[in-house]
Amino acid sequence: MPAESRAAKTIREIFDSGRPLTYIHSAEEERVGKVLREAGGDVPIWTWSLTEGLSRDGAPSERGTASPRAVLDFIVAHESTGIFHLKDFHDPLRESPEIRRRLRDVYQNCSGKGKFVVIGSPVRFIPEELERSMILVELRPPDTVELVEFLREENGTAGLSEDFLHQLAKALQGLTLDEARYALRRGLTAQAGALGESLGPESLAAVLEEKRLLVNRGGVVEFISSGTNLGEIGGLEGLKAWLLERGRLFQGRESLQAELVPKGVLIMGIPGCGKSLCVKAISSHFQLPLYRMDMIEIFSGRHGKPEGAFVAACRMMEDMAPAVLWFDEIEMGITSTESSGEQGRIFAFFLTWMQEKARGLFVAATANRIDLLPAEMIRKGRFDEVFFVDLPQEDEQIEIFRIHLSRRGIDPASLDLAKLTQFTVGWTGAEIEQCVVSAATKALLADQPLTEKDLVGVAAKFVPLSRTMKEQISHIRGWAFERAVRASPQRWPGR
């Protein structure tokens, strides 16, 4: 027996309970009809619209059923079982007391007779008279079961393995079926240069790029398509070891008790020391897509009230699961514990949501101004762990130099990197990278290979952040010393 999609299971259970009136809030009109056919089994499906009238399973329309009142009269007079899908019925409900009254008659007439009226609409509107008689269903984006079935029916997917179909389905999660269809067509174009050919592994990047464009259009959540391996991070061995352990747990999350499934990690510390890089590495190691929540955009007012935009974005991300959700500079948006005000309500929702969110969603939060974070956020239970990322130690600096030199085609073995560290005391990882970039640029312009002299020349003129912001960095270290786990096993400087 084929697996049942989440949407079909929800509707089938409503039908099994005998409820005669259902309101499905969704803009996916075609998908609503498909879900009703899947959930209804052998029960006949009748479809009505204001332009086409009422018809059964694609047959010619019944005469005299074009008006809203006429179709409700037809349902009352109909003596057999059936599912009646009424498209865009919100306008008649809003505008006509007569229709609202007649729909209450329909409720009484259909109850216990195997007749089910389903209103499908992109507009959410249930009149007060019908609130207790009608159940509302918010149709979430298709799950992997529904997407795999959709892929099997699409052109260009014939002959694909089940593993690749499921890989494609995961890549398309969070999109509507129409959006998924356009993403597939883009993948076909990338695969063969023309529609009609078969999809393959090369098309996956194009599918993900289409998804990035579709997700990013909202402006609140950004799909990050580029990842980073753990090996591309210099130092932070304590954090890396923790991620390796939690990665194994997250892979087997379906077989674990809810409290054992990793929920998330908070990484705080000095700017430029690799917090963002670590989040990208989490996504790659967990083999999950990465999404970034833009708190500045949420508070911009362009998406309605901030609390509504934030709640909607969090709910959307649950539909994207499994995934990694990145809250960058979380202290800039979620800082207040006051019971009133936008930030207070967002903070209260966030605390509850962290406890109840889908188990397939891993939250990675980064923070610079860690003293702004409320105590409720960093206590055990919100995040699985709170890490502090400090300035890299000498051996970590050498490793960071090696990574950035190798990335630019320069052999680190040809340079005395240990000698360089006497010029880079108190440097961040970002500053080391910029030193390599500046020295490599200088050597390229001179048409000469990079030497230690080039690196030393840049380093000698560089004023690091730890010197220009000495007091602030000392404050950050002091605040985090007893509040977080060190991301590096070495002792902190000055401690």
Foldseek 3Di string as FASTA:
>chain_A
DADDWPLLVVVLVVVVVQQAAEEEADPCVVVVVVSCCSSVPPAWEWEAELVQFIDTPPDHHDPPRNDLVNVLVVLLPDQAAHEYEYEPCQVVVVPDPVSVVSVVVSRVSRGPRNHHYYYYYNDDDDDPSCPVRYHYHHDFATALSVQLVLLVPDAQAPPPDPVVSSVLSLLCFLDHSVLQNVLVQQLCCQVPVDPRHHGDPRSSVSSNVSVQVVVCVVVFKGWDDDAAAPLLAFFLVQQVVVLVVLLVQCVVVVPDDLLSNFLEEEEEEAPQAQLVNVLRNSCVSNVFTEMEGDLVVLVPCPVHHSLVVLVVVLVSVLSSFLHEYEYEQVLVQAQDCDCDDSNNSNNVVLQVCSQPGDSSYYYYYYHYQVVSHDPSCLDPPSGPFYEYRYADDLSSLLSLLCSLCVVVVHHSVVADSSVVVVLQVRAHSNVSNVLVVQLCVVCVVVVHDRYVVSSNVSSNPDDHPCRVVVVVNVVVCVVCVPRHHYSHPDDDPPD
